[in-house]
C-alpha atoms as a PDB file:
ATOM      1  CA  MET A   1      83.200 134.004  48.211  1.00  0.00           C
ATOM      2  CA  ASN A   2      86.180 132.076  49.427  1.00  0.00           C
ATOM      3  CA  ASN A   3      88.596 133.898  52.381  1.00  0.00           C
ATOM      4  CA  LYS A   4      91.183 131.556  52.490  1.00  0.00           C
ATOM      5  CA  ASN A   5      94.435 133.127  53.679  1.00  0.00           C
ATOM      6  CA  ILE A   6      97.107 131.406  51.806  1.00  0.00           C
ATOM      7  CA  ILE A   7      99.888 132.733  53.902  1.00  0.00           C
ATOM      8  CA  LEU A   8      97.446 131.829  57.627  1.00  0.00           C
ATOM      9  CA  ASP A   9      97.151 128.122  55.676  1.00  0.00           C
ATOM     10  CA  LYS A  10     100.610 127.184  55.099  1.00  0.00           C
ATOM     11  CA  SER A  11     101.929 128.378  58.501  1.00  0.00           C
ATOM     12  CA  LEU A  12      98.961 126.789  60.265  1.00  0.00           C
ATOM     13  CA  GLU A  13     100.259 123.223  58.236  1.00  0.00           C
ATOM     14  CA  PHE A  14     103.557 123.991  59.102  1.00  0.00           C
ATOM     15  CA  ALA A  15     103.279 123.865  62.319  1.00  0.00           C
ATOM     16  CA  LEU A  16     101.694 120.969  62.836  1.00  0.00           C
ATOM     17  CA  GLY A  17     104.516 119.467  61.201  1.00  0.00           C
ATOM     18  CA  ILE A  18     106.446 120.872  63.285  1.00  0.00           C
ATOM     19  CA  ILE A  19     104.987 118.984  66.685  1.00  0.00           C
ATOM     20  CA  ASP A  20     105.613 116.308  64.520  1.00  0.00           C
ATOM     21  CA  PHE A  21     109.494 116.797  64.153  1.00  0.00           C
ATOM     22  CA  SER A  22     109.348 118.096  67.165  1.00  0.00           C
ATOM     23  CA  GLU A  23     108.110 114.983  69.087  1.00  0.00           C
ATOM     24  CA  VAL A  24     110.201 112.934  67.108  1.00  0.00           C
ATOM     25  CA  LEU A  25     113.084 114.939  68.180  1.00  0.00           C
ATOM     26  CA  LYS A  26     112.282 114.489  71.808  1.00  0.00           C
ATOM     27  CA  GLU A  27     112.126 110.519  70.949  1.00  0.00           C
ATOM     28  CA  LYS A  28     115.326 110.340  70.341  1.00  0.00           C
ATOM     29  CA  LYS A  29     116.399 112.529  73.623  1.00  0.00           C
ATOM     30  CA  LYS A  30     117.858 115.872  71.601  1.00  0.00           C
ATOM     31  CA  TYR A  31     115.312 117.898  73.923  1.00  0.00           C
ATOM     32  CA  VAL A  32     117.334 120.868  73.913  1.00  0.00           C
ATOM     33  CA  ILE A  33     117.478 120.894  69.777  1.00  0.00           C
ATOM     34  CA  ALA A  34     113.482 119.480  70.072  1.00  0.00           C
ATOM     35  CA  LYS A  35     112.133 122.886  72.317  1.00  0.00           C
ATOM     36  CA  GLN A  36     114.161 125.309  71.030  1.00  0.00           C
ATOM     37  CA  LEU A  37     112.372 123.881  66.836  1.00  0.00           C
ATOM     38  CA  LEU A  38     108.898 123.911  68.571  1.00  0.00           C
ATOM     39  CA  LYS A  39     109.132 127.551  70.167  1.00  0.00           C
ATOM     40  CA  ALA A  40     110.788 128.607  66.799  1.00  0.00           C
ATOM     41  CA  GLY A  41     108.502 127.072  64.152  1.00  0.00           C
ATOM     42  CA  THR A  42     104.931 127.028  65.599  1.00  0.00           C
ATOM     43  CA  SER A  43     106.131 131.267  66.481  1.00  0.00           C
ATOM     44  CA  ILE A  44     105.536 131.772  62.699  1.00  0.00           C
ATOM     45  CA  GLY A  45     102.106 131.287  62.422  1.00  0.00           C
ATOM     46  CA  ALA A  46     100.945 133.262  65.514  1.00  0.00           C
ATOM     47  CA  ASN A  47     102.899 135.893  64.637  1.00  0.00           C
ATOM     48  CA  ILE A  48     100.977 136.000  61.368  1.00  0.00           C
ATOM     49  CA  ARG A  49      98.046 135.939  63.025  1.00  0.00           C
ATOM     50  CA  GLU A  50      98.488 137.788  65.283  1.00  0.00           C
ATOM     51  CA  ALA A  51      99.609 140.552  62.293  1.00  0.00           C
ATOM     52  CA  GLN A  52      96.058 139.743  61.074  1.00  0.00           C
ATOM     53  CA  SER A  53      94.351 142.084  63.558  1.00  0.00           C
ATOM     54  CA  CYS A  54      96.799 144.426  63.669  1.00  0.00           C
ATOM     55  CA  GLU A  55      96.770 147.989  64.717  1.00  0.00           C
ATOM     56  CA  SER A  56      98.131 149.531  62.555  1.00  0.00           C
ATOM     57  CA  ARG A  57     100.128 149.231  58.648  1.00  0.00           C
ATOM     58  CA  ALA A  58     103.261 149.350  60.332  1.00  0.00           C
ATOM     59  CA  ASP A  59     102.514 147.082  63.149  1.00  0.00           C
ATOM     60  CA  PHE A  60     100.976 144.522  60.505  1.00  0.00           C
ATOM     61  CA  ILE A  61     105.087 144.722  59.122  1.00  0.00           C
ATOM     62  CA  HIS A  62     106.508 144.686  62.411  1.00  0.00           C
ATOM     63  CA  LYS A  63     104.401 140.940  63.225  1.00  0.00           C
ATOM     64  CA  LEU A  64     104.934 139.974  60.062  1.00  0.00           C
ATOM     65  CA  LYS A  65     109.253 140.895  60.346  1.00  0.00           C
ATOM     66  CA  ILE A  66     109.086 139.203  63.503  1.00  0.00           C
ATOM     67  CA  ALA A  67     107.465 136.167  61.903  1.00  0.00           C
ATOM     68  CA  ALA A  68     109.861 136.200  59.680  1.00  0.00           C
ATOM     69  CA  LYS A  69     113.285 136.362  61.913  1.00  0.00           C
ATOM     70  CA  GLU A  70     111.124 133.470  64.092  1.00  0.00           C
ATOM     71  CA  ALA A  71     111.256 131.163  60.128  1.00  0.00           C
ATOM     72  CA  ASP A  72     114.517 131.934  59.736  1.00  0.00           C
ATOM     73  CA  GLU A  73     115.366 130.798  63.021  1.00  0.00           C
ATOM     74  CA  THR A  74     113.081 127.844  62.598  1.00  0.00           C
ATOM     75  CA  ASP A  75     115.502 126.834  59.073  1.00  0.00           C
ATOM     76  CA  TYR A  76     118.860 127.285  61.361  1.00  0.00           C
ATOM     77  CA  TRP A  77     117.628 124.296  63.606  1.00  0.00           C
ATOM     78  CA  LEU A  78     116.868 122.171  60.939  1.00  0.00           C
ATOM     79  CA  LEU A  79     119.989 122.535  59.135  1.00  0.00           C
ATOM     80  CA  LEU A  80     121.567 121.448  62.006  1.00  0.00           C
ATOM     81  CA  CYS A  81     119.485 118.203  62.770  1.00  0.00           C
ATOM     82  CA  ASN A  82     119.302 117.388  58.645  1.00  0.00           C
ATOM     83  CA  LEU A  83     123.193 117.800  58.944  1.00  0.00           C
ATOM     84  CA  SER A  84     124.532 115.897  62.263  1.00  0.00           C
ATOM     85  CA  PRO A  85     125.109 112.593  61.394  1.00  0.00           C
ATOM     86  CA  SER A  86     123.189 112.169  65.397  1.00  0.00           C
ATOM     87  CA  TYR A  87     119.802 113.532  64.304  1.00  0.00           C
ATOM     88  CA  PRO A  88     116.787 112.297  62.842  1.00  0.00           C
ATOM     89  CA  LYS A  89     116.648 114.626  59.298  1.00  0.00           C
ATOM     90  CA  ASN A  90     113.151 116.101  57.714  1.00  0.00           C
ATOM     91  CA  GLU A  91     113.450 116.505  54.459  1.00  0.00           C
ATOM     92  CA  VAL A  92     109.947 117.317  54.072  1.00  0.00           C
ATOM     93  CA  LEU A  93     110.145 120.587  56.187  1.00  0.00           C
ATOM     94  CA  PRO A  94     112.480 122.991  55.114  1.00  0.00           C
ATOM     95  CA  PRO A  95     111.143 123.280  51.436  1.00  0.00           C
ATOM     96  CA  LYS A  96     107.264 124.506  53.498  1.00  0.00           C
ATOM     97  CA  LEU A  97     109.211 126.488  55.090  1.00  0.00           C
ATOM     98  CA  LYS A  98     111.304 128.166  52.397  1.00  0.00           C
ATOM     99  CA  GLU A  99     108.119 129.068  50.870  1.00  0.00           C
ATOM    100  CA  ILE A 100     105.897 130.904  52.924  1.00  0.00           C
ATOM    101  CA  GLN A 101     110.148 132.680  53.800  1.00  0.00           C
ATOM    102  CA  ARG A 102     109.247 133.604  50.034  1.00  0.00           C
ATOM    103  CA  LEU A 103     105.558 134.849  50.898  1.00  0.00           C
ATOM    104  CA  LEU A 104     106.392 136.556  54.140  1.00  0.00           C
ATOM    105  CA  SER A 105     108.356 138.673  52.185  1.00  0.00           C
ATOM    106  CA  SER A 106     106.277 139.138  49.261  1.00  0.00           C
ATOM    107  CA  ILE A 107     104.088 140.812  51.723  1.00  0.00           C
ATOM    108  CA  ILE A 108     106.405 141.960  53.371  1.00  0.00           C
ATOM    109  CA  SER A 109     107.131 144.130  50.488  1.00  0.00           C
ATOM    110  CA  SER A 110     103.701 144.806  49.156  1.00  0.00           C
ATOM    111  CA  ALA A 111     103.003 145.796  52.595  1.00  0.00           C
ATOM    112  CA  LYS A 112     106.049 149.024  52.841  1.00  0.00           C
ATOM    113  CA  GLN A 113     105.137 149.591  49.347  1.00  0.00           C
ATOM    114  CA  ASN A 114     101.186 150.737  50.123  1.00  0.00           C
ATOM    115  CA  SER A 115     102.449 152.334  52.895  1.00  0.00           C
ATOM    116  CA  LYS A 116     104.247 155.408  50.742  1.00  0.00           C
END
């Protein structure tokens, strides 16, 4: 039996992409945004992973909500990079992030429904 966890896999792949893009930003001496993006973008998967060993359904939902907030912050940093003429652009990460955000929203919604 295959026990793949799509949200874990996608968030790990996304975090690796964030690490690579943060390195590009550092090479361009965009240190502040690179650090912010690295922290927020890798935190998504860390919180999703932490939710896998939660203590209760409420804890599970809480951890996923934190991941969703980090995803929103990451979206902001990526948007700034893509809109600023002096920053390198990344067209690959935003659609991957949107997919993670949709999955998180769906999982949170289902978890809330099942807790009633």
